[in-house]
Amino acid sequence: MKSVRWDGKEIHPSKIVCLGRNYVDHIEELNNAVPTEPVIFIKPNSSISNDICYNKNDAIHFEGEIAFLVWSGKLCGVGFGLDLTKREVQSRLKAEGLPWERAKAFDKSAVFSEFVSLNGNIQALRMALYINNRLAQKSGYELMLNKPDNILSEMKGFLSFEDGDLIMTGTPKGVGVINPGDTFSGKIFENERLIVEGAWVVK
């Protein structure tokens, strides 16, 4: 199984449970409707990758997110995550009323920094994504339509979490296409203090 790292330990998530349309500005960016209930989808363990990989056949968009690691049924770790999306495929599937798996659950579609234990105020968390040293996305707890603890409770209403499973909390505006050679730097802050970061070059 694919793995992530949490405080230096290797963890094997059974799944990644993702929340869509959790920021109003991103909903408007893609001309979507504001959902009446959380939009939830799942990426399998096989989607986890240490690298961001370009696909010459399908345009892949980056979506930077605050991600959490679940342990003993609680949000215990936090890290930076990239939900990579085949946007044109997703748009076609949505237009036809079909599931999104081909656009969201493909191999190497979930890239993460290391996770660190949650020791502070979850309400102080925010993220920033830099591409080629330019700020591409930023977000924080206060801008989420659905807050992390509520997200976990909603998800538990219909599925079970194994220790090490991951939650992705949605992306703010600023998504775009990845290009070969792009440098990505994803950072998670608690207020102004940087607590974890990851860096990648698109292959």
N, C-alpha and C. Protein backbone atom coordinates (compact mmCIF):
# COMPACT_ATOMS: atom_id res chain seq x y z
N MET A 1 0.83 -1.21 0.00
CA MET A 1 0.00 0.00 0.00
C MET A 1 0.86 1.26 0.00
N LYS A 2 0.32 2.31 -0.60
CA LYS A 2 1.01 3.59 -0.60
C LYS A 2 0.96 4.19 0.80
N SER A 3 1.91 5.07 1.10
CA SER A 3 2.01 5.60 2.45
C SER A 3 2.23 7.11 2.47
N VAL A 4 1.97 7.69 3.65
CA VAL A 4 2.34 9.07 3.95
C VAL A 4 3.16 9.02 5.24
N ARG A 5 3.71 10.16 5.63
CA ARG A 5 4.48 10.20 6.87
C ARG A 5 3.81 11.14 7.87
N TRP A 6 3.75 10.68 9.11
CA TRP A 6 3.16 11.46 10.21
C TRP A 6 4.17 11.49 11.35
N ASP A 7 4.69 12.66 11.62
CA ASP A 7 5.72 12.83 12.66
C ASP A 7 6.84 11.80 12.49
N GLY A 8 7.23 11.57 11.24
CA GLY A 8 8.35 10.68 10.95
C GLY A 8 7.97 9.22 10.81
N LYS A 9 6.73 8.86 11.13
CA LYS A 9 6.28 7.47 11.02
C LYS A 9 5.60 7.24 9.68
N GLU A 10 5.77 6.03 9.13
CA GLU A 10 5.12 5.68 7.88
C GLU A 10 3.70 5.19 8.17
N ILE A 11 2.72 5.80 7.51
CA ILE A 11 1.31 5.49 7.73
C ILE A 11 0.70 5.08 6.39
N HIS A 12 -0.16 4.06 6.42
CA HIS A 12 -0.77 3.55 5.20
C HIS A 12 -2.29 3.80 5.24
N PRO A 13 -2.75 4.93 4.67
CA PRO A 13 -4.19 5.21 4.67
C PRO A 13 -4.95 4.21 3.82
N SER A 14 -6.11 3.79 4.29
CA SER A 14 -6.93 2.90 3.46
C SER A 14 -7.67 3.69 2.39
N LYS A 15 -7.88 4.99 2.65
CA LYS A 15 -8.61 5.83 1.72
C LYS A 15 -8.38 7.31 2.04
N ILE A 16 -8.76 8.15 1.08
CA ILE A 16 -8.76 9.60 1.26
C ILE A 16 -10.18 10.07 1.01
N VAL A 17 -10.79 10.67 2.01
CA VAL A 17 -12.16 11.16 1.87
C VAL A 17 -12.09 12.66 1.61
N CYS A 18 -12.66 13.09 0.51
CA CYS A 18 -12.47 14.46 0.02
C CYS A 18 -13.78 15.24 0.06
N LEU A 19 -13.65 16.51 0.36
CA LEU A 19 -14.80 17.41 0.37
C LEU A 19 -14.68 18.38 -0.80
N GLY A 20 -15.72 18.47 -1.61
CA GLY A 20 -15.75 19.41 -2.71
C GLY A 20 -16.58 20.63 -2.38
N ARG A 21 -16.35 21.72 -3.13
CA ARG A 21 -17.15 22.94 -3.03
C ARG A 21 -17.26 23.45 -1.59
N ASN A 22 -16.11 23.64 -0.94
CA ASN A 22 -16.10 24.10 0.45
C ASN A 22 -15.67 25.55 0.60
N TYR A 23 -15.39 26.21 -0.53
CA TYR A 23 -15.04 27.64 -0.51
C TYR A 23 -15.87 28.36 -1.56
N VAL A 24 -16.55 29.42 -1.17
CA VAL A 24 -17.45 30.12 -2.08
C VAL A 24 -16.71 30.64 -3.30
N ASP A 25 -15.50 31.18 -3.12
CA ASP A 25 -14.80 31.76 -4.27
C ASP A 25 -14.42 30.71 -5.31
N HIS A 26 -14.14 29.47 -4.86
CA HIS A 26 -13.85 28.39 -5.82
C HIS A 26 -15.12 27.90 -6.49
N ILE A 27 -16.22 27.87 -5.75
CA ILE A 27 -17.51 27.50 -6.35
C ILE A 27 -17.83 28.46 -7.50
N GLU A 28 -17.62 29.75 -7.25
CA GLU A 28 -17.89 30.76 -8.28
C GLU A 28 -16.90 30.64 -9.43
N GLU A 29 -15.64 30.31 -9.10
CA GLU A 29 -14.60 30.18 -10.11
C GLU A 29 -14.96 29.13 -11.17
N LEU A 30 -15.60 28.04 -10.75
CA LEU A 30 -15.96 26.96 -11.68
C LEU A 30 -17.44 26.99 -12.08
N ASN A 31 -18.11 28.09 -11.71
CA ASN A 31 -19.52 28.25 -12.08
C ASN A 31 -20.39 27.10 -11.58
N ASN A 32 -20.13 26.67 -10.36
CA ASN A 32 -20.93 25.62 -9.74
C ASN A 32 -21.97 26.23 -8.80
N ALA A 33 -22.96 25.46 -8.47
CA ALA A 33 -23.96 25.89 -7.50
C ALA A 33 -23.45 25.62 -6.08
N VAL A 34 -23.83 26.49 -5.15
CA VAL A 34 -23.50 26.25 -3.74
C VAL A 34 -24.31 25.05 -3.26
N PRO A 35 -23.64 24.00 -2.75
CA PRO A 35 -24.37 22.78 -2.37
C PRO A 35 -25.22 22.97 -1.13
N THR A 36 -26.31 22.21 -1.06
CA THR A 36 -27.17 22.26 0.13
C THR A 36 -26.67 21.30 1.21
N GLU A 37 -25.76 20.39 0.85
CA GLU A 37 -25.11 19.50 1.80
C GLU A 37 -23.70 19.23 1.30
N PRO A 38 -22.79 18.80 2.17
CA PRO A 38 -21.40 18.59 1.75
C PRO A 38 -21.28 17.65 0.56
N VAL A 39 -20.41 18.03 -0.39
CA VAL A 39 -20.12 17.19 -1.55
C VAL A 39 -18.91 16.33 -1.22
N ILE A 40 -19.09 15.02 -1.17
CA ILE A 40 -18.05 14.11 -0.68
C ILE A 40 -17.73 13.07 -1.74
N PHE A 41 -16.43 12.84 -1.94
CA PHE A 41 -15.98 11.77 -2.83
C PHE A 41 -14.73 11.14 -2.25
N ILE A 42 -14.34 9.99 -2.79
CA ILE A 42 -13.23 9.23 -2.20
C ILE A 42 -12.16 8.94 -3.24
N LYS A 43 -10.92 9.10 -2.81
CA LYS A 43 -9.77 8.65 -3.59
C LYS A 43 -9.21 7.39 -2.91
N PRO A 44 -8.81 6.39 -3.68
CA PRO A 44 -8.27 5.16 -3.06
C PRO A 44 -6.81 5.34 -2.64
N ASN A 45 -6.32 4.38 -1.89
CA ASN A 45 -4.90 4.38 -1.50
C ASN A 45 -3.99 4.46 -2.72
N SER A 46 -4.39 3.85 -3.81
CA SER A 46 -3.56 3.81 -5.02
C SER A 46 -3.37 5.17 -5.66
N SER A 47 -4.15 6.17 -5.24
CA SER A 47 -4.01 7.51 -5.81
C SER A 47 -2.86 8.30 -5.18
N ILE A 48 -2.32 7.82 -4.05
CA ILE A 48 -1.27 8.55 -3.33
C ILE A 48 0.04 8.52 -4.12
N SER A 49 0.70 9.69 -4.18
CA SER A 49 1.97 9.79 -4.89
C SER A 49 2.89 10.76 -4.16
N ASN A 50 4.20 10.50 -4.28
CA ASN A 50 5.19 11.45 -3.76
C ASN A 50 5.54 12.51 -4.78
N ASP A 51 5.07 12.34 -6.01
CA ASP A 51 5.44 13.23 -7.11
C ASP A 51 4.20 13.82 -7.77
N ILE A 52 4.36 15.00 -8.37
CA ILE A 52 3.34 15.59 -9.22
C ILE A 52 3.72 15.24 -10.66
N CYS A 53 2.85 14.53 -11.34
CA CYS A 53 3.18 14.01 -12.67
C CYS A 53 2.31 14.64 -13.76
N TYR A 54 2.95 15.15 -14.78
CA TYR A 54 2.27 15.73 -15.94
C TYR A 54 1.67 14.62 -16.79
N ASN A 55 0.54 14.90 -17.41
CA ASN A 55 -0.11 13.94 -18.30
C ASN A 55 -0.35 14.63 -19.64
N LYS A 56 0.31 14.16 -20.68
CA LYS A 56 0.21 14.83 -21.98
C LYS A 56 -1.15 14.61 -22.64
N ASN A 57 -1.91 13.63 -22.17
CA ASN A 57 -3.21 13.32 -22.78
C ASN A 57 -4.37 14.06 -22.14
N ASP A 58 -4.24 14.39 -20.85
CA ASP A 58 -5.32 15.06 -20.12
C ASP A 58 -4.76 16.24 -19.34
N ALA A 59 -5.39 17.40 -19.49
CA ALA A 59 -4.98 18.55 -18.69
C ALA A 59 -5.32 18.32 -17.23
N ILE A 60 -4.31 18.37 -16.38
CA ILE A 60 -4.50 18.12 -14.95
C ILE A 60 -4.40 19.45 -14.19
N HIS A 61 -5.40 19.73 -13.37
CA HIS A 61 -5.42 20.93 -12.54
C HIS A 61 -4.95 20.59 -11.13
N PHE A 62 -4.26 21.55 -10.53
CA PHE A 62 -3.88 21.44 -9.11
C PHE A 62 -4.98 22.05 -8.26
N GLU A 63 -5.18 21.47 -7.07
CA GLU A 63 -6.09 22.01 -6.06
C GLU A 63 -5.41 21.85 -4.70
N GLY A 64 -4.87 22.93 -4.17
CA GLY A 64 -4.20 22.89 -2.88
C GLY A 64 -5.21 22.87 -1.73
N GLU A 65 -4.92 22.06 -0.70
CA GLU A 65 -5.89 21.89 0.38
C GLU A 65 -5.21 21.67 1.74
N ILE A 66 -5.94 22.01 2.78
CA ILE A 66 -5.57 21.58 4.13
C ILE A 66 -6.07 20.15 4.29
N ALA A 67 -5.17 19.25 4.66
CA ALA A 67 -5.52 17.84 4.79
C ALA A 67 -5.32 17.40 6.24
N PHE A 68 -6.13 16.44 6.67
CA PHE A 68 -6.05 15.92 8.03
C PHE A 68 -5.86 14.41 8.01
N LEU A 69 -5.19 13.93 9.04
CA LEU A 69 -5.01 12.50 9.26
C LEU A 69 -5.87 12.10 10.45
N VAL A 70 -6.64 11.03 10.28
CA VAL A 70 -7.56 10.56 11.31
C VAL A 70 -6.93 9.39 12.06
N TRP A 71 -7.02 9.46 13.40
CA TRP A 71 -6.53 8.36 14.24
C TRP A 71 -7.46 8.24 15.44
N SER A 72 -7.87 7.03 15.73
CA SER A 72 -8.82 6.78 16.83
C SER A 72 -10.08 7.63 16.66
N GLY A 73 -10.48 7.82 15.42
CA GLY A 73 -11.71 8.53 15.13
C GLY A 73 -11.63 10.03 15.26
N LYS A 74 -10.42 10.58 15.46
CA LYS A 74 -10.25 12.02 15.65
C LYS A 74 -9.28 12.60 14.64
N LEU A 75 -9.36 13.91 14.43
CA LEU A 75 -8.39 14.62 13.60
C LEU A 75 -7.13 14.80 14.42
N CYS A 76 -6.08 14.04 14.08
CA CYS A 76 -4.87 14.04 14.90
C CYS A 76 -3.65 14.61 14.19
N GLY A 77 -3.67 14.67 12.86
CA GLY A 77 -2.53 15.19 12.11
C GLY A 77 -3.00 16.14 11.04
N VAL A 78 -2.12 17.06 10.63
CA VAL A 78 -2.45 18.01 9.57
C VAL A 78 -1.28 18.10 8.60
N GLY A 79 -1.60 18.27 7.34
CA GLY A 79 -0.57 18.42 6.32
C GLY A 79 -1.14 19.16 5.12
N PHE A 80 -0.28 19.38 4.15
CA PHE A 80 -0.70 20.03 2.90
C PHE A 80 -0.99 18.95 1.87
N GLY A 81 -2.09 19.10 1.15
CA GLY A 81 -2.44 18.12 0.13
C GLY A 81 -2.75 18.76 -1.21
N LEU A 82 -2.48 18.02 -2.28
CA LEU A 82 -2.86 18.42 -3.63
C LEU A 82 -3.84 17.40 -4.18
N ASP A 83 -5.05 17.86 -4.46
CA ASP A 83 -6.05 17.04 -5.14
C ASP A 83 -5.90 17.33 -6.63
N LEU A 84 -5.26 16.43 -7.36
CA LEU A 84 -5.04 16.62 -8.79
C LEU A 84 -6.26 16.12 -9.56
N THR A 85 -6.70 16.91 -10.52
CA THR A 85 -7.99 16.68 -11.16
C THR A 85 -7.87 16.80 -12.68
N LYS A 86 -8.42 15.82 -13.38
CA LYS A 86 -8.54 15.93 -14.84
C LYS A 86 -9.79 16.76 -15.11
N ARG A 87 -9.58 18.08 -15.27
CA ARG A 87 -10.71 19.01 -15.26
C ARG A 87 -11.67 18.81 -16.43
N GLU A 88 -11.14 18.61 -17.63
CA GLU A 88 -12.02 18.43 -18.78
C GLU A 88 -12.83 17.14 -18.65
N VAL A 89 -12.19 16.11 -18.12
CA VAL A 89 -12.90 14.84 -17.89
C VAL A 89 -13.99 15.05 -16.84
N GLN A 90 -13.65 15.77 -15.76
CA GLN A 90 -14.64 16.02 -14.71
C GLN A 90 -15.83 16.82 -15.25
N SER A 91 -15.56 17.84 -16.07
CA SER A 91 -16.64 18.66 -16.61
C SER A 91 -17.58 17.82 -17.48
N ARG A 92 -16.99 16.92 -18.28
CA ARG A 92 -17.83 16.06 -19.12
C ARG A 92 -18.68 15.12 -18.27
N LEU A 93 -18.06 14.53 -17.24
CA LEU A 93 -18.80 13.61 -16.39
C LEU A 93 -19.92 14.32 -15.65
N LYS A 94 -19.65 15.53 -15.14
CA LYS A 94 -20.69 16.28 -14.45
C LYS A 94 -21.85 16.60 -15.39
N ALA A 95 -21.52 17.01 -16.62
CA ALA A 95 -22.56 17.36 -17.59
C ALA A 95 -23.45 16.17 -17.92
N GLU A 96 -22.87 14.96 -17.84
CA GLU A 96 -23.62 13.75 -18.16
C GLU A 96 -24.24 13.11 -16.92
N GLY A 97 -24.05 13.74 -15.77
CA GLY A 97 -24.60 13.20 -14.53
C GLY A 97 -23.93 11.93 -14.06
N LEU A 98 -22.64 11.76 -14.40
CA LEU A 98 -21.91 10.54 -14.07
C LEU A 98 -20.95 10.75 -12.91
N PRO A 99 -20.51 9.69 -12.23
CA PRO A 99 -19.54 9.82 -11.13
C PRO A 99 -18.21 10.40 -11.61
N TRP A 100 -17.42 10.91 -10.66
CA TRP A 100 -16.18 11.64 -10.97
C TRP A 100 -14.92 10.79 -10.92
N GLU A 101 -15.01 9.50 -10.64
CA GLU A 101 -13.79 8.72 -10.35
C GLU A 101 -12.71 8.85 -11.43
N ARG A 102 -13.10 8.84 -12.70
CA ARG A 102 -12.10 8.93 -13.77
C ARG A 102 -11.32 10.25 -13.70
N ALA A 103 -11.93 11.27 -13.13
CA ALA A 103 -11.30 12.59 -13.05
C ALA A 103 -10.59 12.84 -11.73
N LYS A 104 -10.94 12.08 -10.69
CA LYS A 104 -10.44 12.37 -9.35
C LYS A 104 -9.66 11.24 -8.70
N ALA A 105 -9.93 9.99 -9.06
CA ALA A 105 -9.38 8.85 -8.33
C ALA A 105 -8.30 8.11 -9.08
N PHE A 106 -7.75 8.73 -10.12
CA PHE A 106 -6.72 8.07 -10.92
C PHE A 106 -5.40 7.96 -10.15
N ASP A 107 -4.52 7.09 -10.61
CA ASP A 107 -3.21 6.93 -9.97
C ASP A 107 -2.45 8.26 -9.95
N LYS A 108 -1.79 8.53 -8.82
CA LYS A 108 -0.96 9.72 -8.62
C LYS A 108 -1.78 11.01 -8.60
N SER A 109 -3.03 10.91 -8.15
CA SER A 109 -3.88 12.10 -8.09
C SER A 109 -3.95 12.74 -6.71
N ALA A 110 -3.21 12.20 -5.74
CA ALA A 110 -3.21 12.75 -4.38
C ALA A 110 -1.76 12.85 -3.88
N VAL A 111 -1.31 14.07 -3.68
CA VAL A 111 0.08 14.32 -3.28
C VAL A 111 0.07 15.06 -1.95
N PHE A 112 0.90 14.60 -1.01
CA PHE A 112 0.87 15.17 0.34
C PHE A 112 2.26 15.52 0.85
N SER A 113 2.30 16.56 1.68
CA SER A 113 3.49 16.81 2.50
C SER A 113 3.50 15.79 3.62
N GLU A 114 4.48 15.86 4.49
CA GLU A 114 4.42 15.09 5.73
C GLU A 114 3.28 15.66 6.58
N PHE A 115 2.74 14.85 7.46
CA PHE A 115 1.74 15.29 8.43
C PHE A 115 2.41 15.48 9.78
N VAL A 116 1.94 16.48 10.52
CA VAL A 116 2.42 16.72 11.87
C VAL A 116 1.23 16.67 12.81
N SER A 117 1.49 16.35 14.07
CA SER A 117 0.40 16.24 15.03
C SER A 117 -0.24 17.59 15.29
N LEU A 118 -1.56 17.55 15.49
CA LEU A 118 -2.32 18.75 15.83
C LEU A 118 -2.12 19.04 17.31
N ASN A 119 -1.42 20.11 17.60
CA ASN A 119 -1.16 20.46 19.00
C ASN A 119 -1.77 21.79 19.39
N GLY A 120 -2.23 22.54 18.40
CA GLY A 120 -2.73 23.87 18.70
C GLY A 120 -4.18 24.05 18.34
N ASN A 121 -4.53 25.26 17.99
CA ASN A 121 -5.89 25.65 17.70
C ASN A 121 -6.22 25.37 16.24
N ILE A 122 -7.13 24.43 15.98
CA ILE A 122 -7.48 24.08 14.61
C ILE A 122 -8.06 25.28 13.87
N GLN A 123 -8.66 26.21 14.60
CA GLN A 123 -9.25 27.39 13.99
C GLN A 123 -8.19 28.36 13.47
N ALA A 124 -6.93 28.15 13.86
CA ALA A 124 -5.86 29.04 13.42
C ALA A 124 -5.16 28.53 12.16
N LEU A 125 -5.60 27.39 11.63
CA LEU A 125 -4.91 26.79 10.48
C LEU A 125 -5.22 27.54 9.19
N ARG A 126 -4.19 27.68 8.37
CA ARG A 126 -4.36 28.23 7.02
C ARG A 126 -3.30 27.62 6.13
N MET A 127 -3.51 27.72 4.83
CA MET A 127 -2.56 27.15 3.88
C MET A 127 -2.22 28.15 2.80
N ALA A 128 -1.06 27.93 2.17
CA ALA A 128 -0.64 28.73 1.02
C ALA A 128 0.07 27.81 0.03
N LEU A 129 -0.21 28.00 -1.25
CA LEU A 129 0.45 27.26 -2.31
C LEU A 129 1.17 28.23 -3.23
N TYR A 130 2.47 27.98 -3.40
CA TYR A 130 3.29 28.79 -4.31
C TYR A 130 3.69 27.94 -5.50
N ILE A 131 3.54 28.49 -6.70
CA ILE A 131 3.97 27.82 -7.92
C ILE A 131 4.98 28.72 -8.61
N ASN A 132 6.17 28.17 -8.83
CA ASN A 132 7.26 28.96 -9.42
C ASN A 132 7.48 30.24 -8.62
N ASN A 133 7.42 30.10 -7.29
CA ASN A 133 7.68 31.17 -6.33
C ASN A 133 6.62 32.27 -6.32
N ARG A 134 5.48 32.03 -6.93
CA ARG A 134 4.38 32.99 -6.91
C ARG A 134 3.19 32.39 -6.16
N LEU A 135 2.54 33.21 -5.33
CA LEU A 135 1.39 32.73 -4.57
C LEU A 135 0.25 32.41 -5.53
N ALA A 136 -0.21 31.15 -5.52
CA ALA A 136 -1.28 30.71 -6.41
C ALA A 136 -2.60 30.54 -5.66
N GLN A 137 -2.54 30.04 -4.43
CA GLN A 137 -3.74 29.81 -3.63
C GLN A 137 -3.45 30.08 -2.16
N LYS A 138 -4.47 30.54 -1.45
CA LYS A 138 -4.39 30.66 0.00
C LYS A 138 -5.78 30.48 0.57
N SER A 139 -5.85 29.96 1.76
CA SER A 139 -7.14 29.74 2.41
C SER A 139 -6.91 29.54 3.89
N GLY A 140 -8.02 29.45 4.61
CA GLY A 140 -7.92 29.21 6.04
C GLY A 140 -9.24 28.73 6.60
N TYR A 141 -9.20 28.32 7.83
CA TYR A 141 -10.36 27.78 8.53
C TYR A 141 -11.57 28.70 8.40
N GLU A 142 -11.35 29.99 8.56
CA GLU A 142 -12.48 30.92 8.62
C GLU A 142 -13.25 31.01 7.31
N LEU A 143 -12.64 30.62 6.19
CA LEU A 143 -13.29 30.72 4.89
C LEU A 143 -14.01 29.43 4.49
N MET A 144 -13.85 28.37 5.26
CA MET A 144 -14.50 27.10 4.92
C MET A 144 -16.00 27.17 5.19
N LEU A 145 -16.79 26.71 4.24
CA LEU A 145 -18.23 26.60 4.47
C LEU A 145 -18.53 25.53 5.52
N ASN A 146 -17.79 24.41 5.44
CA ASN A 146 -17.92 23.31 6.40
C ASN A 146 -16.60 23.21 7.16
N LYS A 147 -16.66 23.31 8.47
CA LYS A 147 -15.45 23.30 9.30
C LYS A 147 -14.97 21.86 9.52
N PRO A 148 -13.67 21.68 9.81
CA PRO A 148 -13.10 20.33 9.89
C PRO A 148 -13.83 19.35 10.80
N ASP A 149 -14.17 19.75 12.03
CA ASP A 149 -14.85 18.81 12.92
C ASP A 149 -16.23 18.43 12.38
N ASN A 150 -16.92 19.40 11.76
CA ASN A 150 -18.22 19.10 11.16
C ASN A 150 -18.08 18.19 9.95
N ILE A 151 -17.00 18.39 9.20
CA ILE A 151 -16.73 17.52 8.04
C ILE A 151 -16.57 16.08 8.51
N LEU A 152 -15.75 15.88 9.55
CA LEU A 152 -15.52 14.54 10.07
C LEU A 152 -16.82 13.91 10.54
N SER A 153 -17.64 14.67 11.26
CA SER A 153 -18.92 14.15 11.75
C SER A 153 -19.84 13.77 10.60
N GLU A 154 -19.90 14.62 9.58
CA GLU A 154 -20.74 14.33 8.41
C GLU A 154 -20.29 13.06 7.72
N MET A 155 -18.98 12.90 7.54
CA MET A 155 -18.46 11.72 6.87
C MET A 155 -18.71 10.45 7.68
N LYS A 156 -18.58 10.55 9.00
CA LYS A 156 -18.82 9.39 9.85
C LYS A 156 -20.28 8.94 9.80
N GLY A 157 -21.14 9.80 9.29
CA GLY A 157 -22.55 9.45 9.21
C GLY A 157 -22.84 8.35 8.21
N PHE A 158 -21.88 8.08 7.30
CA PHE A 158 -22.15 7.03 6.32
C PHE A 158 -20.95 6.13 6.02
N LEU A 159 -19.78 6.41 6.61
CA LEU A 159 -18.65 5.51 6.40
C LEU A 159 -17.78 5.44 7.64
N SER A 160 -16.97 4.40 7.72
CA SER A 160 -16.07 4.20 8.86
C SER A 160 -14.66 4.61 8.48
N PHE A 161 -13.94 5.15 9.44
CA PHE A 161 -12.55 5.53 9.24
C PHE A 161 -11.62 4.51 9.89
N GLU A 162 -10.59 4.12 9.15
CA GLU A 162 -9.51 3.33 9.70
C GLU A 162 -8.41 4.29 10.18
N ASP A 163 -7.61 3.86 11.16
CA ASP A 163 -6.50 4.69 11.60
C ASP A 163 -5.58 5.01 10.42
N GLY A 164 -5.27 6.28 10.27
CA GLY A 164 -4.39 6.71 9.19
C GLY A 164 -5.12 7.23 7.96
N ASP A 165 -6.44 7.08 7.91
CA ASP A 165 -7.18 7.62 6.77
C ASP A 165 -7.03 9.15 6.73
N LEU A 166 -7.18 9.69 5.54
CA LEU A 166 -6.97 11.12 5.32
C LEU A 166 -8.26 11.81 4.91
N ILE A 167 -8.35 13.09 5.26
CA ILE A 167 -9.46 13.94 4.83
C ILE A 167 -8.88 15.15 4.12
N MET A 168 -9.42 15.46 2.95
CA MET A 168 -9.08 16.69 2.23
C MET A 168 -10.28 17.62 2.32
N THR A 169 -10.03 18.87 2.69
CA THR A 169 -11.11 19.77 3.10
C THR A 169 -11.56 20.74 2.02
N GLY A 170 -11.12 20.57 0.78
CA GLY A 170 -11.56 21.44 -0.29
C GLY A 170 -10.53 22.50 -0.64
N THR A 171 -10.70 23.08 -1.82
CA THR A 171 -9.71 24.03 -2.33
C THR A 171 -10.33 25.41 -2.53
N PRO A 172 -9.55 26.47 -2.32
CA PRO A 172 -10.02 27.82 -2.61
C PRO A 172 -9.81 28.16 -4.09
N LYS A 173 -10.11 29.39 -4.46
CA LYS A 173 -9.93 29.81 -5.85
C LYS A 173 -8.44 29.82 -6.22
N GLY A 174 -8.18 29.83 -7.51
CA GLY A 174 -6.80 29.90 -7.99
C GLY A 174 -6.31 28.63 -8.63
N VAL A 175 -7.19 27.62 -8.82
CA VAL A 175 -6.77 26.37 -9.43
C VAL A 175 -6.34 26.60 -10.87
N GLY A 176 -5.49 25.71 -11.38
CA GLY A 176 -5.02 25.85 -12.75
C GLY A 176 -4.27 24.61 -13.21
N VAL A 177 -3.78 24.67 -14.43
CA VAL A 177 -3.12 23.52 -15.07
C VAL A 177 -1.69 23.39 -14.59
N ILE A 178 -1.23 22.14 -14.39
CA ILE A 178 0.18 21.90 -14.08
C ILE A 178 0.95 21.78 -15.39
N ASN A 179 2.21 22.19 -15.33
CA ASN A 179 3.09 22.12 -16.50
C ASN A 179 4.41 21.47 -16.12
N PRO A 180 5.04 20.74 -17.03
CA PRO A 180 6.34 20.12 -16.71
C PRO A 180 7.34 21.15 -16.23
N GLY A 181 8.04 20.82 -15.15
CA GLY A 181 9.07 21.71 -14.62
C GLY A 181 8.57 22.73 -13.62
N ASP A 182 7.24 22.88 -13.47
CA ASP A 182 6.71 23.79 -12.46
C ASP A 182 7.20 23.37 -11.07
N THR A 183 7.53 24.34 -10.24
CA THR A 183 7.91 24.07 -8.86
C THR A 183 6.74 24.43 -7.95
N PHE A 184 6.37 23.50 -7.09
CA PHE A 184 5.26 23.68 -6.15
C PHE A 184 5.80 23.71 -4.73
N SER A 185 5.29 24.62 -3.93
CA SER A 185 5.62 24.68 -2.51
C SER A 185 4.33 24.90 -1.74
N GLY A 186 3.92 23.89 -0.96
CA GLY A 186 2.69 23.96 -0.18
C GLY A 186 3.01 24.10 1.30
N LYS A 187 2.36 25.05 1.96
CA LYS A 187 2.68 25.36 3.35
C LYS A 187 1.41 25.39 4.20
N ILE A 188 1.51 24.87 5.42
CA ILE A 188 0.44 24.95 6.40
C ILE A 188 0.94 25.79 7.58
N PHE A 189 0.13 26.77 7.97
CA PHE A 189 0.48 27.67 9.07
C PHE A 189 -0.54 27.53 10.20
N GLU A 190 -0.06 27.76 11.41
CA GLU A 190 -0.94 27.99 12.56
C GLU A 190 -0.76 29.45 12.93
N ASN A 191 -1.76 30.28 12.60
CA ASN A 191 -1.60 31.73 12.61
C ASN A 191 -0.42 32.08 11.70
N GLU A 192 0.63 32.67 12.21
CA GLU A 192 1.76 33.05 11.37
C GLU A 192 2.90 32.03 11.41
N ARG A 193 2.75 30.99 12.22
CA ARG A 193 3.84 30.02 12.40
C ARG A 193 3.72 28.88 11.38
N LEU A 194 4.76 28.69 10.58
CA LEU A 194 4.80 27.58 9.63
C LEU A 194 4.98 26.28 10.40
N ILE A 195 4.06 25.32 10.18
CA ILE A 195 4.17 24.07 10.94
C ILE A 195 4.54 22.87 10.05
N VAL A 196 4.26 22.95 8.75
CA VAL A 196 4.66 21.86 7.86
C VAL A 196 4.61 22.37 6.43
N GLU A 197 5.46 21.82 5.58
CA GLU A 197 5.47 22.22 4.17
C GLU A 197 5.97 21.08 3.31
N GLY A 198 5.67 21.16 2.03
CA GLY A 198 6.14 20.19 1.06
C GLY A 198 6.55 20.91 -0.21
N ALA A 199 7.49 20.31 -0.95
CA ALA A 199 7.97 20.92 -2.20
C ALA A 199 8.12 19.84 -3.27
N TRP A 200 7.72 20.20 -4.48
CA TRP A 200 7.73 19.24 -5.59
C TRP A 200 8.08 19.96 -6.89
N VAL A 201 8.63 19.21 -7.84
CA VAL A 201 8.82 19.68 -9.21
C VAL A 201 8.02 18.76 -10.12
N VAL A 202 7.18 19.33 -10.99
CA VAL A 202 6.33 18.52 -11.86
C VAL A 202 7.20 17.72 -12.83
N LYS A 203 6.93 16.41 -12.86
CA LYS A 203 7.71 15.52 -13.71
C LYS A 203 6.98 15.23 -15.02
